[in-house]
Amino acid sequence: MVQEGDKAPDFELPTASGEMLKLSKLRGKPVVVYFYPKDDTTGCTAEAKDFTRLAPELKRAGVEVVGISPDSAESHKRFAAKYDLKVRLAADSDKAVALAYGVWVEKSMYGRKYMGVDRSTFLIDADGKVAKAWRKVKVSGHADEVLAAAKAL
């Protein structure tokens, strides 16, 4: 499980726009990597819209934002178009990145156990180290908290 102070595990994933995104290529600026369970669901949509609302301010602060879920790049493309999202969405279809960050976990709903993404966010500093980690994220107010932490770097 990735902890604050750890070197952020590198990854290369396809995005909604069709590009391949490699985390290490963003070195030199802070990066917010947020993991979410599923495109076009209530909490995940609210979170993506919150990061989109703050996108201009994050950009002015020199911060890149990447949302990652197990959905396909095509699903991300539809999701981004439907809500006019302004954050990059990357497809972790084999869940390798979620596993590397320790966010692919056993969950339970109505007594049924299943594997899924534990909504989590990592603020990675310009040197590639995890400056702050939020786990079991509650969506309301979270993007604002991330922006404040990113500005403090």
Protein backbone atom coordinates (compact mmCIF):
# COMPACT_ATOMS: atom_id res chain seq x y z
CA MET A 1 0.00 0.00 0.00
CA VAL A 2 1.39 3.38 -1.04
CA GLN A 3 2.05 5.74 1.88
CA GLU A 4 2.91 9.41 2.13
CA GLY A 5 6.63 9.88 1.46
CA ASP A 6 6.81 6.84 -0.88
CA LYS A 7 7.88 7.18 -4.49
CA ALA A 8 4.66 7.07 -6.51
CA PRO A 9 4.45 3.89 -8.62
CA ASP A 10 4.85 4.81 -12.27
CA PHE A 11 2.21 3.78 -14.79
CA GLU A 12 1.34 4.11 -18.44
CA LEU A 13 -2.37 3.98 -19.27
CA PRO A 14 -4.64 4.79 -22.22
CA THR A 15 -6.85 7.87 -21.77
CA ALA A 16 -10.25 9.02 -22.99
CA SER A 17 -8.52 11.16 -25.64
CA GLY A 18 -6.64 8.17 -27.05
CA GLU A 19 -3.20 9.16 -25.74
CA MET A 20 -0.99 7.00 -23.56
CA LEU A 21 -0.34 8.76 -20.26
CA LYS A 22 2.87 7.96 -18.39
CA LEU A 23 3.08 9.36 -14.84
CA SER A 24 6.88 9.82 -14.94
CA LYS A 25 6.50 12.11 -18.00
CA LEU A 26 4.63 14.56 -15.73
CA ARG A 27 7.58 14.85 -13.33
CA GLY A 28 8.51 18.43 -12.53
CA LYS A 29 5.00 19.46 -11.54
CA PRO A 30 2.54 18.24 -8.91
CA VAL A 31 0.05 15.59 -10.02
CA VAL A 32 -3.26 14.62 -8.45
CA VAL A 33 -4.10 10.98 -9.14
CA TYR A 34 -7.58 10.05 -8.02
CA PHE A 35 -9.01 6.56 -8.20
CA TYR A 36 -12.75 6.13 -8.55
CA PRO A 37 -14.94 3.02 -8.90
CA LYS A 38 -17.02 3.53 -12.05
CA ASP A 39 -17.84 6.01 -14.81
CA ASP A 40 -21.25 7.68 -14.78
CA THR A 41 -22.29 6.68 -11.25
CA THR A 42 -23.54 9.22 -8.73
CA GLY A 43 -20.45 9.66 -6.52
CA CYS A 44 -17.94 9.29 -9.33
CA THR A 45 -19.76 11.83 -11.49
CA ALA A 46 -19.91 14.33 -8.61
CA GLU A 47 -16.18 13.87 -7.96
CA ALA A 48 -15.23 14.32 -11.63
CA LYS A 49 -17.45 17.41 -11.89
CA ASP A 50 -15.82 18.87 -8.75
CA PHE A 51 -12.31 18.38 -10.18
CA THR A 52 -13.54 19.86 -13.48
CA ARG A 53 -14.96 22.91 -11.65
CA LEU A 54 -11.52 23.44 -10.07
CA ALA A 55 -9.55 22.61 -13.25
CA PRO A 56 -8.73 26.26 -14.11
CA GLU A 57 -7.43 26.93 -10.60
CA LEU A 58 -5.47 23.66 -10.53
CA LYS A 59 -3.97 24.50 -13.91
CA ARG A 60 -2.94 27.99 -12.68
CA ALA A 61 -1.23 26.26 -9.73
CA GLY A 62 0.65 24.03 -12.21
CA VAL A 63 -1.15 20.87 -11.07
CA GLU A 64 -2.07 18.01 -13.41
CA VAL A 65 -5.15 15.92 -12.55
CA VAL A 66 -5.68 12.31 -13.61
CA GLY A 67 -8.74 10.23 -12.75
CA ILE A 68 -8.29 6.46 -12.93
CA SER A 69 -10.88 3.68 -12.91
CA PRO A 70 -11.10 0.15 -14.30
CA ASP A 71 -13.46 1.34 -17.05
CA SER A 72 -12.24 1.31 -20.66
CA ALA A 73 -10.87 4.36 -22.46
CA GLU A 74 -14.02 4.29 -24.64
CA SER A 75 -16.22 4.39 -21.51
CA HIS A 76 -14.13 7.33 -20.22
CA LYS A 77 -14.59 9.12 -23.55
CA ARG A 78 -18.41 8.83 -23.32
CA PHE A 79 -18.35 9.84 -19.61
CA ALA A 80 -16.18 12.91 -20.30
CA ALA A 81 -18.34 13.99 -23.25
CA LYS A 82 -21.61 13.54 -21.35
CA TYR A 83 -20.54 15.84 -18.50
CA ASP A 84 -18.00 18.05 -20.36
CA LEU A 85 -15.27 16.88 -17.97
CA LYS A 86 -11.97 18.78 -18.07
CA VAL A 87 -9.78 16.22 -16.30
CA ARG A 88 -7.83 13.41 -17.93
CA LEU A 89 -9.38 10.01 -17.38
CA ALA A 90 -7.15 6.94 -17.64
CA ALA A 91 -8.24 3.33 -18.10
CA ASP A 92 -6.79 0.77 -15.68
CA SER A 93 -8.69 -2.15 -17.20
CA ASP A 94 -6.42 -4.85 -15.74
CA LYS A 95 -6.40 -3.06 -12.34
CA ALA A 96 -2.58 -3.23 -12.17
CA VAL A 97 -2.25 0.44 -11.16
CA ALA A 98 -5.04 0.17 -8.57
CA LEU A 99 -3.22 -2.86 -7.13
CA ALA A 100 0.13 -0.99 -7.11
CA TYR A 101 -1.44 1.87 -5.13
CA GLY A 102 -3.33 -0.49 -2.79
CA VAL A 103 -6.80 0.71 -3.80
CA TRP A 104 -8.14 -2.52 -5.37
CA VAL A 105 -9.73 -4.01 -2.26
CA GLU A 106 -12.44 -6.33 -1.02
CA LYS A 107 -15.65 -4.42 -0.43
CA SER A 108 -18.98 -5.39 1.03
CA MET A 109 -22.49 -4.26 0.14
CA TYR A 110 -25.66 -5.79 1.56
CA GLY A 111 -23.61 -8.69 2.91
CA ARG A 112 -22.13 -9.48 -0.50
CA LYS A 113 -18.35 -9.32 -0.82
CA TYR A 114 -16.72 -8.22 -4.06
CA MET A 115 -13.53 -6.58 -5.32
CA GLY A 116 -13.56 -2.91 -6.24
CA VAL A 117 -11.80 0.44 -6.13
CA ASP A 118 -11.52 2.14 -2.74
CA ARG A 119 -12.08 5.81 -3.68
CA SER A 120 -8.65 7.33 -3.00
CA THR A 121 -6.57 10.33 -4.05
CA PHE A 122 -2.80 10.82 -4.12
CA LEU A 123 -1.06 14.17 -4.39
CA ILE A 124 2.32 13.54 -5.98
CA ASP A 125 4.97 16.24 -5.71
CA ALA A 126 7.21 17.46 -8.53
CA ASP A 127 9.87 14.88 -7.58
CA GLY A 128 7.45 11.94 -7.89
CA LYS A 129 6.90 11.36 -4.18
CA VAL A 130 3.48 10.98 -2.56
CA ALA A 131 3.02 14.22 -0.61
CA LYS A 132 -0.50 13.40 0.61
CA ALA A 133 -2.81 10.40 0.42
CA TRP A 134 -6.54 10.37 1.05
CA ARG A 135 -8.26 6.99 1.39
CA LYS A 136 -11.95 6.13 1.73
CA VAL A 137 -12.72 9.53 0.22
CA LYS A 138 -16.05 11.21 0.83
CA VAL A 139 -16.77 13.23 -2.32
CA SER A 140 -18.31 16.35 -0.79
CA GLY A 141 -15.60 19.01 -0.39
CA HIS A 142 -12.79 16.62 -1.34
CA ALA A 143 -11.62 18.36 -4.53
CA ASP A 144 -11.38 21.68 -2.64
CA GLU A 145 -9.27 20.00 0.04
CA VAL A 146 -6.98 18.53 -2.63
CA LEU A 147 -6.60 21.94 -4.30
CA ALA A 148 -5.62 23.54 -0.97
CA ALA A 149 -3.01 20.81 -0.34
CA ALA A 150 -1.64 21.14 -3.87
CA LYS A 151 -1.28 24.91 -3.53
CA ALA A 152 0.65 24.37 -0.27
CA LEU A 153 3.33 22.27 -2.01
